[in-house]
Every structure is written in structure tokens, then in C-alpha cells.
């Protein structure tokens, strides 16, 4: 039996790989690490670590100087955290957005 995309995308309170990496690097902002060290420390699969780090780098949340990675611009990290916190708060207060509601409102 199929489920709605909202159910499919619903997550428990587990942090994402990106959140784990940013939290780890932020907590260790005085150091830079190899990707494998970050994977070990955050329990992010080694096959996933580079794609996640590259996406974070594109958003200036981490910096890279071969072969090391470090936390990115503190202002960017703070702004990203504030946005995520606000979005989470609004989801809790107002309910998560439903794709079906958006699609049905487009029909009119």
C-alpha cells in the first residue's frame, strides 16, 4: 500500500548527516579534519561523507583545503542554524507543509 510523500519524508528526531557534521566541526572549530576522521567521529557512512561535505562547502558551512575540512564562516553557520530552528518551530506550531495541499490549491 503506498504512503503519502509527507509520510515518506517524515523523519524522526535523528539529526541529518549534514547536521552531525556541522555540529562536530563547530564543536571542534579550532581544528581541521580529514573526511575519514569526520566520518568516524559523526558515524556518517564513508560513502556519504564527501557528497555531504561538498554540499556544505557550496553553502559556505564548511571550508576545504586538501585534504582537510573545517567549519565555515561563523555568520553563515549561525544564519543557517537560525533558519532551521525557525522552520522547525513553525512546523511544530502550524504543522508541516503538505505537498497535496499545494497541488490541490494549484487546481483552482
PDB file of N, CA and C in Angstrom:
ATOM      1  N   UNK A   1       0.850  -1.177   0.000  1.00  0.00           N
ATOM      2  CA  UNK A   1       0.000   0.000   0.000  1.00  0.00           C
ATOM      3  C   UNK A   1       0.894   1.238   0.000  1.00  0.00           C
ATOM      4  N   UNK A   2       0.669   2.169  -0.908  1.00  0.00           N
ATOM      5  CA  UNK A   2       1.501   3.376  -0.953  1.00  0.00           C
ATOM      6  C   UNK A   2       1.216   4.298   0.230  1.00  0.00           C
ATOM      7  N   UNK A   3       2.192   5.128   0.526  1.00  0.00           N
ATOM      8  CA  UNK A   3       2.031   6.151   1.559  1.00  0.00           C
ATOM      9  C   UNK A   3       2.222   7.509   0.913  1.00  0.00           C
ATOM     10  N   UNK A   4       1.769   8.544   1.598  1.00  0.00           N
ATOM     11  CA  UNK A   4       1.930   9.897   1.063  1.00  0.00           C
ATOM     12  C   UNK A   4       3.402  10.280   1.099  1.00  0.00           C
ATOM     13  N   UNK A   5       3.754  11.213   0.259  1.00  0.00           N
ATOM     14  CA  UNK A   5       5.142  11.680   0.227  1.00  0.00           C
ATOM     15  C   UNK A   5       5.521  12.335   1.557  1.00  0.00           C
ATOM     16  N   UNK A   6       4.536  12.940   2.235  1.00  0.00           N
ATOM     17  CA  UNK A   6       4.809  13.543   3.543  1.00  0.00           C
ATOM     18  C   UNK A   6       5.219  12.476   4.555  1.00  0.00           C
ATOM     19  N   UNK A   7       4.519  11.343   4.538  1.00  0.00           N
ATOM     20  CA  UNK A   7       4.891  10.253   5.432  1.00  0.00           C
ATOM     21  C   UNK A   7       6.273   9.710   5.071  1.00  0.00           C
ATOM     22  N   UNK A   8       6.515   9.585   3.770  1.00  0.00           N
ATOM     23  CA  UNK A   8       7.796   9.086   3.293  1.00  0.00           C
ATOM     24  C   UNK A   8       8.937   9.981   3.751  1.00  0.00           C
ATOM     25  N   UNK A   9       8.723  11.284   3.667  1.00  0.00           N
ATOM     26  CA  UNK A   9       9.772  12.236   4.003  1.00  0.00           C
ATOM     27  C   UNK A   9       9.849  12.560   5.487  1.00  0.00           C
ATOM     28  N   UNK A  10       8.833  12.148   6.237  1.00  0.00           N
ATOM     29  CA  UNK A  10       8.820  12.429   7.672  1.00  0.00           C
ATOM     30  C   UNK A  10      10.032  11.772   8.319  1.00  0.00           C
ATOM     31  N   UNK A  11      10.660  12.519   9.184  1.00  0.00           N
ATOM     32  CA  UNK A  11      11.837  11.996   9.860  1.00  0.00           C
ATOM     33  C   UNK A  11      11.586  11.959  11.348  1.00  0.00           C
ATOM     34  N   UNK A  12      12.319  11.102  12.005  1.00  0.00           N
ATOM     35  CA  UNK A  12      12.286  11.150  13.456  1.00  0.00           C
ATOM     36  C   UNK A  12      13.247  12.254  13.881  1.00  0.00           C
ATOM     37  N   UNK A  13      13.576  12.299  15.120  1.00  0.00           N
ATOM     38  CA  UNK A  13      14.405  13.391  15.621  1.00  0.00           C
ATOM     39  C   UNK A  13      15.896  13.171  15.403  1.00  0.00           C
ATOM     40  N   UNK A  14      16.253  12.169  14.620  1.00  0.00           N
ATOM     41  CA  UNK A  14      17.659  11.935  14.308  1.00  0.00           C
ATOM     42  C   UNK A  14      18.210  13.095  13.490  1.00  0.00           C
ATOM     43  N   UNK A  15      19.377  13.602  13.850  1.00  0.00           N
ATOM     44  CA  UNK A  15      19.968  14.664  13.022  1.00  0.00           C
ATOM     45  C   UNK A  15      20.392  14.105  11.663  1.00  0.00           C
ATOM     46  N   UNK A  16      20.367  14.955  10.662  1.00  0.00           N
ATOM     47  CA  UNK A  16      20.823  14.555   9.336  1.00  0.00           C
ATOM     48  C   UNK A  16      22.342  14.422   9.343  1.00  0.00           C
ATOM     49  N   UNK A  17      22.875  13.816   8.304  1.00  0.00           N
ATOM     50  CA  UNK A  17      24.334  13.729   8.183  1.00  0.00           C
ATOM     51  C   UNK A  17      24.957  15.118   8.191  1.00  0.00           C
ATOM     52  N   UNK A  18      24.338  16.041   7.475  1.00  0.00           N
ATOM     53  CA  UNK A  18      24.862  17.411   7.426  1.00  0.00           C
ATOM     54  C   UNK A  18      24.863  18.042   8.818  1.00  0.00           C
ATOM     55  N   UNK A  19      23.782  17.853   9.563  1.00  0.00           N
ATOM     56  CA  UNK A  19      23.722  18.415  10.920  1.00  0.00           C
ATOM     57  C   UNK A  19      24.803  17.814  11.807  1.00  0.00           C
ATOM     58  N   UNK A  20      25.000  16.516  11.708  1.00  0.00           N
ATOM     59  CA  UNK A  20      26.039  15.869  12.517  1.00  0.00           C
ATOM     60  C   UNK A  20      27.418  16.450  12.208  1.00  0.00           C
ATOM     61  N   UNK A  21      27.686  16.616  10.923  1.00  0.00           N
ATOM     62  CA  UNK A  21      28.998  17.123  10.510  1.00  0.00           C
ATOM     63  C   UNK A  21      29.202  18.556  10.989  1.00  0.00           C
ATOM     64  N   UNK A  22      28.209  19.414  10.776  1.00  0.00           N
ATOM     65  CA  UNK A  22      28.342  20.815  11.187  1.00  0.00           C
ATOM     66  C   UNK A  22      28.494  20.909  12.702  1.00  0.00           C
ATOM     67  N   UNK A  23      27.704  20.151  13.444  1.00  0.00           N
ATOM     68  CA  UNK A  23      27.818  20.184  14.909  1.00  0.00           C
ATOM     69  C   UNK A  23      29.204  19.729  15.361  1.00  0.00           C
ATOM     70  N   UNK A  24      29.700  18.663  14.740  1.00  0.00           N
ATOM     71  CA  UNK A  24      31.032  18.165  15.107  1.00  0.00           C
ATOM     72  C   UNK A  24      32.102  19.214  14.822  1.00  0.00           C
ATOM     73  N   UNK A  25      32.090  19.768  13.616  1.00  0.00           N
ATOM     74  CA  UNK A  25      33.118  20.752  13.260  1.00  0.00           C
ATOM     75  C   UNK A  25      32.974  22.032  14.073  1.00  0.00           C
ATOM     76  N   UNK A  26      31.751  22.433  14.370  1.00  0.00           N
ATOM     77  CA  UNK A  26      31.543  23.621  15.194  1.00  0.00           C
ATOM     78  C   UNK A  26      32.086  23.393  16.606  1.00  0.00           C
ATOM     79  N   UNK A  27      31.861  22.209  17.134  1.00  0.00           N
ATOM     80  CA  UNK A  27      32.378  21.873  18.462  1.00  0.00           C
ATOM     81  C   UNK A  27      33.891  21.731  18.502  1.00  0.00           C
ATOM     82  N   UNK A  28      34.487  21.600  17.334  1.00  0.00           N
ATOM     83  CA  UNK A  28      35.946  21.450  17.221  1.00  0.00           C
ATOM     84  C   UNK A  28      36.497  22.488  16.254  1.00  0.00           C
ATOM     85  N   UNK A  29      36.010  23.719  16.388  1.00  0.00           N
ATOM     86  CA  UNK A  29      36.323  24.764  15.405  1.00  0.00           C
ATOM     87  C   UNK A  29      37.784  25.199  15.391  1.00  0.00           C
ATOM     88  N   UNK A  30      38.546  24.747  16.366  1.00  0.00           N
ATOM     89  CA  UNK A  30      39.966  25.089  16.387  1.00  0.00           C
ATOM     90  C   UNK A  30      40.824  24.046  15.667  1.00  0.00           C
ATOM     91  N   UNK A  31      40.164  23.097  14.965  1.00  0.00           N
ATOM     92  CA  UNK A  31      40.889  22.038  14.265  1.00  0.00           C
ATOM     93  C   UNK A  31      40.287  21.814  12.884  1.00  0.00           C
ATOM     94  N   UNK A  32      41.064  21.175  12.030  1.00  0.00           N
ATOM     95  CA  UNK A  32      40.593  20.728  10.717  1.00  0.00           C
ATOM     96  C   UNK A  32      40.824  19.221  10.644  1.00  0.00           C
ATOM     97  N   UNK A  33      39.945  18.532   9.940  1.00  0.00           N
ATOM     98  CA  UNK A  33      39.962  17.071   9.916  1.00  0.00           C
ATOM     99  C   UNK A  33      39.923  16.529   8.497  1.00  0.00           C
ATOM    100  N   UNK A  34      40.455  15.330   8.334  1.00  0.00           N
ATOM    101  CA  UNK A  34      40.285  14.591   7.086  1.00  0.00           C
ATOM    102  C   UNK A  34      38.849  14.063   7.049  1.00  0.00           C
ATOM    103  N   UNK A  35      38.341  13.844   5.861  1.00  0.00           N
ATOM    104  CA  UNK A  35      36.963  13.371   5.713  1.00  0.00           C
ATOM    105  C   UNK A  35      36.732  12.064   6.463  1.00  0.00           C
ATOM    106  N   UNK A  36      37.683  11.163   6.421  1.00  0.00           N
ATOM    107  CA  UNK A  36      37.508   9.881   7.115  1.00  0.00           C
ATOM    108  C   UNK A  36      37.426  10.067   8.625  1.00  0.00           C
ATOM    109  N   UNK A  37      38.150  11.048   9.150  1.00  0.00           N
ATOM    110  CA  UNK A  37      38.082  11.331  10.587  1.00  0.00           C
ATOM    111  C   UNK A  37      36.714  11.891  10.957  1.00  0.00           C
ATOM    112  N   UNK A  38      36.178  12.736  10.096  1.00  0.00           N
ATOM    113  CA  UNK A  38      34.840  13.291  10.332  1.00  0.00           C
ATOM    114  C   UNK A  38      33.805  12.175  10.266  1.00  0.00           C
ATOM    115  N   UNK A  39      33.945  11.298   9.287  1.00  0.00           N
ATOM    116  CA  UNK A  39      33.014  10.170   9.152  1.00  0.00           C
ATOM    117  C   UNK A  39      33.035   9.307  10.409  1.00  0.00           C
ATOM    118  N   UNK A  40      34.214   9.000  10.907  1.00  0.00           N
ATOM    119  CA  UNK A  40      34.331   8.182  12.118  1.00  0.00           C
ATOM    120  C   UNK A  40      33.711   8.878  13.326  1.00  0.00           C
ATOM    121  N   UNK A  41      33.989  10.157  13.474  1.00  0.00           N
ATOM    122  CA  UNK A  41      33.513  10.901  14.645  1.00  0.00           C
ATOM    123  C   UNK A  41      32.003  11.122  14.630  1.00  0.00           C
ATOM    124  N   UNK A  42      31.422  11.208  13.441  1.00  0.00           N
ATOM    125  CA  UNK A  42      29.994  11.532  13.323  1.00  0.00           C
ATOM    126  C   UNK A  42      29.133  10.329  12.966  1.00  0.00           C
ATOM    127  N   UNK A  43      29.778   9.198  12.705  1.00  0.00           N
ATOM    128  CA  UNK A  43      29.088   7.982  12.271  1.00  0.00           C
ATOM    129  C   UNK A  43      28.348   8.172  10.949  1.00  0.00           C
ATOM    130  N   UNK A  44      28.873   9.056  10.112  1.00  0.00           N
ATOM    131  CA  UNK A  44      28.361   9.217   8.751  1.00  0.00           C
ATOM    132  C   UNK A  44      29.106   8.208   7.882  1.00  0.00           C
ATOM    133  N   UNK A  45      28.374   7.472   7.071  1.00  0.00           N
ATOM    134  CA  UNK A  45      28.969   6.460   6.202  1.00  0.00           C
ATOM    135  C   UNK A  45      30.062   7.081   5.333  1.00  0.00           C
ATOM    136  N   UNK A  46      31.178   6.384   5.203  1.00  0.00           N
ATOM    137  CA  UNK A  46      32.295   6.918   4.410  1.00  0.00           C
ATOM    138  C   UNK A  46      31.922   7.136   2.953  1.00  0.00           C
ATOM    139  N   UNK A  47      30.936   6.401   2.447  1.00  0.00           N
ATOM    140  CA  UNK A  47      30.482   6.613   1.067  1.00  0.00           C
ATOM    141  C   UNK A  47      29.643   7.881   0.931  1.00  0.00           C
ATOM    142  N   UNK A  48      29.142   8.398   2.037  1.00  0.00           N
ATOM    143  CA  UNK A  48      28.299   9.598   2.023  1.00  0.00           C
ATOM    144  C   UNK A  48      29.051  10.863   2.398  1.00  0.00           C
ATOM    145  N   UNK A  49      30.184  10.711   3.056  1.00  0.00           N
ATOM    146  CA  UNK A  49      30.840  11.869   3.664  1.00  0.00           C
ATOM    147  C   UNK A  49      31.248  12.930   2.649  1.00  0.00           C
ATOM    148  N   UNK A  50      31.843  12.544   1.532  1.00  0.00           N
ATOM    149  CA  UNK A  50      32.292  13.544   0.554  1.00  0.00           C
ATOM    150  C   UNK A  50      31.136  14.292  -0.103  1.00  0.00           C
ATOM    151  N   UNK A  51      30.063  13.613  -0.532  1.00  0.00           N
ATOM    152  CA  UNK A  51      28.939  14.377  -1.096  1.00  0.00           C
ATOM    153  C   UNK A  51      28.341  15.369  -0.095  1.00  0.00           C
ATOM    154  N   UNK A  52      28.237  14.963   1.165  1.00  0.00           N
ATOM    155  CA  UNK A  52      27.672  15.863   2.178  1.00  0.00           C
ATOM    156  C   UNK A  52      28.616  17.035   2.417  1.00  0.00           C
ATOM    157  N   UNK A  53      29.896  16.760   2.568  1.00  0.00           N
ATOM    158  CA  UNK A  53      30.866  17.841   2.774  1.00  0.00           C
ATOM    159  C   UNK A  53      30.874  18.809   1.597  1.00  0.00           C
ATOM    160  N   UNK A  54      30.785  18.301   0.391  1.00  0.00           N
ATOM    161  CA  UNK A  54      30.773  19.185  -0.782  1.00  0.00           C
ATOM    162  C   UNK A  54      29.528  20.059  -0.818  1.00  0.00           C
ATOM    163  N   UNK A  55      28.373  19.514  -0.448  1.00  0.00           N
ATOM    164  CA  UNK A  55      27.152  20.342  -0.385  1.00  0.00           C
ATOM    165  C   UNK A  55      27.283  21.415   0.689  1.00  0.00           C
ATOM    166  N   UNK A  56      27.851  21.049   1.821  1.00  0.00           N
ATOM    167  CA  UNK A  56      28.056  22.034   2.890  1.00  0.00           C
ATOM    168  C   UNK A  56      29.042  23.114   2.451  1.00  0.00           C
ATOM    169  N   UNK A  57      30.065  22.733   1.711  1.00  0.00           N
ATOM    170  CA  UNK A  57      31.043  23.717   1.216  1.00  0.00           C
ATOM    171  C   UNK A  57      30.382  24.681   0.238  1.00  0.00           C
ATOM    172  N   UNK A  58      29.494  24.179  -0.622  1.00  0.00           N
ATOM    173  CA  UNK A  58      28.782  25.046  -1.569  1.00  0.00           C
ATOM    174  C   UNK A  58      27.972  26.115  -0.844  1.00  0.00           C
ATOM    175  N   UNK A  59      27.565  25.819   0.385  1.00  0.00           N
ATOM    176  CA  UNK A  59      26.771  26.762   1.185  1.00  0.00           C
ATOM    177  C   UNK A  59      27.636  27.541   2.183  1.00  0.00           C
ATOM    178  N   UNK A  60      28.945  27.398   2.080  1.00  0.00           N
ATOM    179  CA  UNK A  60      29.912  28.068   2.966  1.00  0.00           C
ATOM    180  C   UNK A  60      29.788  27.648   4.427  1.00  0.00           C
ATOM    181  N   UNK A  61      29.227  26.466   4.660  1.00  0.00           N
ATOM    182  CA  UNK A  61      29.108  25.974   6.026  1.00  0.00           C
ATOM    183  C   UNK A  61      30.371  25.246   6.478  1.00  0.00           C
ATOM    184  N   UNK A  62      31.164  24.780   5.522  1.00  0.00           N
ATOM    185  CA  UNK A  62      32.472  24.201   5.827  1.00  0.00           C
ATOM    186  C   UNK A  62      33.494  24.745   4.835  1.00  0.00           C
ATOM    187  N   UNK A  63      34.764  24.655   5.220  1.00  0.00           N
ATOM    188  CA  UNK A  63      35.874  25.060   4.350  1.00  0.00           C
ATOM    189  C   UNK A  63      36.706  23.828   4.036  1.00  0.00           C
ATOM    190  N   UNK A  64      37.381  23.874   2.903  1.00  0.00           N
ATOM    191  CA  UNK A  64      38.189  22.726   2.493  1.00  0.00           C
ATOM    192  C   UNK A  64      39.536  23.188   1.965  1.00  0.00           C
ATOM    193  N   UNK A  65      40.561  22.593   2.491  1.00  0.00           N
ATOM    194  CA  UNK A  65      41.917  22.758   1.973  1.00  0.00           C
ATOM    195  C   UNK A  65      42.511  21.354   2.000  1.00  0.00           C
ATOM    196  N   UNK A  66      42.643  20.781   0.828  1.00  0.00           N
ATOM    197  CA  UNK A  66      43.033  19.377   0.658  1.00  0.00           C
ATOM    198  C   UNK A  66      44.126  18.971   1.627  1.00  0.00           C
ATOM    199  N   UNK A  67      43.980  17.920   2.394  1.00  0.00           N
ATOM    200  CA  UNK A  67      42.857  17.001   2.480  1.00  0.00           C
ATOM    201  C   UNK A  67      41.936  17.295   3.664  1.00  0.00           C
ATOM    202  N   UNK A  68      41.991  18.523   4.193  1.00  0.00           N
ATOM    203  CA  UNK A  68      41.317  18.840   5.448  1.00  0.00           C
ATOM    204  C   UNK A  68      40.031  19.634   5.255  1.00  0.00           C
ATOM    205  N   UNK A  69      39.137  19.462   6.238  1.00  0.00           N
ATOM    206  CA  UNK A  69      37.856  20.162   6.283  1.00  0.00           C
ATOM    207  C   UNK A  69      37.725  20.831   7.642  1.00  0.00           C
ATOM    208  N   UNK A  70      37.136  22.024   7.662  1.00  0.00           N
ATOM    209  CA  UNK A  70      36.922  22.762   8.910  1.00  0.00           C
ATOM    210  C   UNK A  70      35.580  23.489   8.819  1.00  0.00           C
ATOM    211  N   UNK A  71      35.120  23.974   9.951  1.00  0.00           N
ATOM    212  CA  UNK A  71      33.853  24.718   9.973  1.00  0.00           C
ATOM    213  C   UNK A  71      33.994  25.969   9.109  1.00  0.00           C
ATOM    214  N   UNK A  72      32.902  26.377   8.502  1.00  0.00           N
ATOM    215  CA  UNK A  72      32.916  27.530   7.611  1.00  0.00           C
ATOM    216  C   UNK A  72      32.708  28.844   8.338  1.00  0.00           C
ATOM    217  N   UNK A  73      32.277  29.829   7.585  1.00  0.00           N
ATOM    218  CA  UNK A  73      32.042  31.181   8.086  1.00  0.00           C
ATOM    219  C   UNK A  73      31.046  31.138   9.250  1.00  0.00           C
ATOM    220  N   UNK A  74      31.447  31.606  10.429  1.00  0.00           N
ATOM    221  CA  UNK A  74      30.562  31.545  11.601  1.00  0.00           C
ATOM    222  C   UNK A  74      29.220  32.250  11.389  1.00  0.00           C
ATOM    223  N   UNK A  75      29.209  33.363  10.653  1.00  0.00           N
ATOM    224  CA  UNK A  75      27.951  34.067  10.398  1.00  0.00           C
ATOM    225  C   UNK A  75      27.015  33.231   9.534  1.00  0.00           C
ATOM    226  N   UNK A  76      27.568  32.556   8.544  1.00  0.00           N
ATOM    227  CA  UNK A  76      26.754  31.710   7.666  1.00  0.00           C
ATOM    228  C   UNK A  76      26.198  30.524   8.454  1.00  0.00           C
ATOM    229  N   UNK A  77      27.030  29.925   9.295  1.00  0.00           N
ATOM    230  CA  UNK A  77      26.590  28.793  10.117  1.00  0.00           C
ATOM    231  C   UNK A  77      25.485  29.245  11.066  1.00  0.00           C
ATOM    232  N   UNK A  78      25.667  30.402  11.696  1.00  0.00           N
ATOM    233  CA  UNK A  78      24.654  30.922  12.618  1.00  0.00           C
ATOM    234  C   UNK A  78      23.340  31.183  11.892  1.00  0.00           C
ATOM    235  N   UNK A  79      23.409  31.808  10.719  1.00  0.00           N
ATOM    236  CA  UNK A  79      22.197  32.099   9.948  1.00  0.00           C
ATOM    237  C   UNK A  79      21.483  30.820   9.518  1.00  0.00           C
ATOM    238  N   UNK A  80      22.244  29.811   9.111  1.00  0.00           N
ATOM    239  CA  UNK A  80      21.642  28.536   8.707  1.00  0.00           C
ATOM    240  C   UNK A  80      20.962  27.870   9.898  1.00  0.00           C
ATOM    241  N   UNK A  81      21.597  27.935  11.066  1.00  0.00           N
ATOM    242  CA  UNK A  81      21.005  27.360  12.269  1.00  0.00           C
ATOM    243  C   UNK A  81      19.718  28.098  12.639  1.00  0.00           C
ATOM    244  N   UNK A  82      19.741  29.417  12.557  1.00  0.00           N
ATOM    245  CA  UNK A  82      18.549  30.210  12.883  1.00  0.00           C
ATOM    246  C   UNK A  82      17.411  29.879  11.923  1.00  0.00           C
ATOM    247  N   UNK A  83      17.710  29.757  10.637  1.00  0.00           N
ATOM    248  CA  UNK A  83      16.682  29.415   9.655  1.00  0.00           C
ATOM    249  C   UNK A  83      16.085  28.045   9.961  1.00  0.00           C
ATOM    250  N   UNK A  84      16.943  27.056  10.222  1.00  0.00           N
ATOM    251  CA  UNK A  84      16.462  25.703  10.513  1.00  0.00           C
ATOM    252  C   UNK A  84      15.632  25.684  11.792  1.00  0.00           C
ATOM    253  N   UNK A  85      16.060  26.435  12.804  1.00  0.00           N
ATOM    254  CA  UNK A  85      15.310  26.493  14.060  1.00  0.00           C
ATOM    255  C   UNK A  85      13.946  27.127  13.855  1.00  0.00           C
ATOM    256  N   UNK A  86      13.906  28.216  13.087  1.00  0.00           N
ATOM    257  CA  UNK A  86      12.630  28.880  12.812  1.00  0.00           C
ATOM    258  C   UNK A  86      11.700  27.979  12.015  1.00  0.00           C
ATOM    259  N   UNK A  87      12.234  27.300  11.015  1.00  0.00           N
ATOM    260  CA  UNK A  87      11.413  26.403  10.202  1.00  0.00           C
ATOM    261  C   UNK A  87      10.864  25.264  11.052  1.00  0.00           C
ATOM    262  N   UNK A  88      11.685  24.725  11.924  1.00  0.00           N
ATOM    263  CA  UNK A  88      11.246  23.644  12.803  1.00  0.00           C
ATOM    264  C   UNK A  88      10.162  24.130  13.760  1.00  0.00           C
ATOM    265  N   UNK A  89      10.356  25.323  14.331  1.00  0.00           N
ATOM    266  CA  UNK A  89       9.359  25.903  15.231  1.00  0.00           C
ATOM    267  C   UNK A  89       8.029  26.093  14.506  1.00  0.00           C
ATOM    268  N   UNK A  90       8.083  26.647  13.300  1.00  0.00           N
ATOM    269  CA  UNK A  90       6.851  26.871  12.541  1.00  0.00           C
ATOM    270  C   UNK A  90       6.170  25.559  12.183  1.00  0.00           C
ATOM    271  N   UNK A  91       6.940  24.546  11.839  1.00  0.00           N
ATOM    272  CA  UNK A  91       6.354  23.230  11.571  1.00  0.00           C
ATOM    273  C   UNK A  91       5.659  22.692  12.815  1.00  0.00           C
ATOM    274  N   UNK A  92       6.299  22.861  13.976  1.00  0.00           N
ATOM    275  CA  UNK A  92       5.697  22.391  15.223  1.00  0.00           C
ATOM    276  C   UNK A  92       4.411  23.146  15.539  1.00  0.00           C
ATOM    277  N   UNK A  93       4.420  24.455  15.335  1.00  0.00           N
ATOM    278  CA  UNK A  93       3.264  25.282  15.671  1.00  0.00           C
ATOM    279  C   UNK A  93       2.136  25.181  14.647  1.00  0.00           C
ATOM    280  N   UNK A  94       2.494  25.172  13.376  1.00  0.00           N
ATOM    281  CA  UNK A  94       1.490  25.253  12.311  1.00  0.00           C
ATOM    282  C   UNK A  94       1.308  23.949  11.552  1.00  0.00           C
ATOM    283  N   UNK A  95       2.154  22.999  11.820  1.00  0.00           N
ATOM    284  CA  UNK A  95       2.116  21.743  11.079  1.00  0.00           C
ATOM    285  C   UNK A  95       2.997  21.841   9.846  1.00  0.00           C
ATOM    286  N   UNK A  96       3.558  20.729   9.491  1.00  0.00           N
ATOM    287  CA  UNK A  96       4.420  20.692   8.308  1.00  0.00           C
ATOM    288  C   UNK A  96       3.585  20.946   7.066  1.00  0.00           C
ATOM    289  N   UNK A  97       4.222  21.523   6.068  1.00  0.00           N
ATOM    290  CA  UNK A  97       3.521  21.769   4.809  1.00  0.00           C
ATOM    291  C   UNK A  97       3.240  20.445   4.124  1.00  0.00           C
ATOM    292  N   UNK A  98       2.124  20.408   3.440  1.00  0.00           N
ATOM    293  CA  UNK A  98       1.708  19.204   2.743  1.00  0.00           C
ATOM    294  C   UNK A  98       1.756  19.436   1.241  1.00  0.00           C
ATOM    295  N   UNK A  99       2.461  18.577   0.551  1.00  0.00           N
ATOM    296  CA  UNK A  99       2.541  18.682  -0.905  1.00  0.00           C
ATOM    297  C   UNK A  99       1.144  18.610  -1.515  1.00  0.00           C
ATOM    298  N   UNK A 100       0.299  17.731  -0.982  1.00  0.00           N
ATOM    299  CA  UNK A 100      -1.056  17.574  -1.511  1.00  0.00           C
ATOM    300  C   UNK A 100      -1.850  18.879  -1.417  1.00  0.00           C
ATOM    301  N   UNK A 101      -1.678  19.625  -0.330  1.00  0.00           N
ATOM    302  CA  UNK A 101      -2.382  20.904  -0.192  1.00  0.00           C
ATOM    303  C   UNK A 101      -1.903  21.903  -1.232  1.00  0.00           C
ATOM    304  N   UNK A 102      -0.604  21.942  -1.490  1.00  0.00           N
ATOM    305  CA  UNK A 102      -0.070  22.851  -2.500  1.00  0.00           C
ATOM    306  C   UNK A 102      -0.595  22.484  -3.879  1.00  0.00           C
ATOM    307  N   UNK A 103      -0.598  21.201  -4.189  1.00  0.00           N
ATOM    308  CA  UNK A 103      -1.053  20.749  -5.506  1.00  0.00           C
ATOM    309  C   UNK A 103      -2.535  21.036  -5.678  1.00  0.00           C
ATOM    310  N   UNK A 104      -3.334  20.758  -4.647  1.00  0.00           N
ATOM    311  CA  UNK A 104      -4.778  20.974  -4.764  1.00  0.00           C
ATOM    312  C   UNK A 104      -5.114  22.461  -4.854  1.00  0.00           C
ATOM    313  N   UNK A 105      -4.326  23.334  -4.238  1.00  0.00           N
ATOM    314  CA  UNK A 105      -4.601  24.770  -4.334  1.00  0.00           C
ATOM    315  C   UNK A 105      -4.224  25.306  -5.709  1.00  0.00           C
ATOM    316  N   UNK A 106      -3.364  24.609  -6.422  1.00  0.00           N
ATOM    317  CA  UNK A 106      -2.991  24.992  -7.783  1.00  0.00           C
ATOM    318  C   UNK A 106      -4.091  24.678  -8.791  1.00  0.00           C
ATOM    319  N   UNK A 107      -4.964  23.750  -8.447  1.00  0.00           N
ATOM    320  CA  UNK A 107      -6.008  23.305  -9.369  1.00  0.00           C
ATOM    321  C   UNK A 107      -7.080  24.359  -9.599  1.00  0.00           C
ATOM    322  N   UNK A 108      -7.220  25.288  -8.696  1.00  0.00           N
ATOM    323  CA  UNK A 108      -8.310  26.250  -8.750  1.00  0.00           C
ATOM    324  C   UNK A 108      -8.023  27.404  -9.557  1.00  0.00           C
TER     325      UNK A 108
END
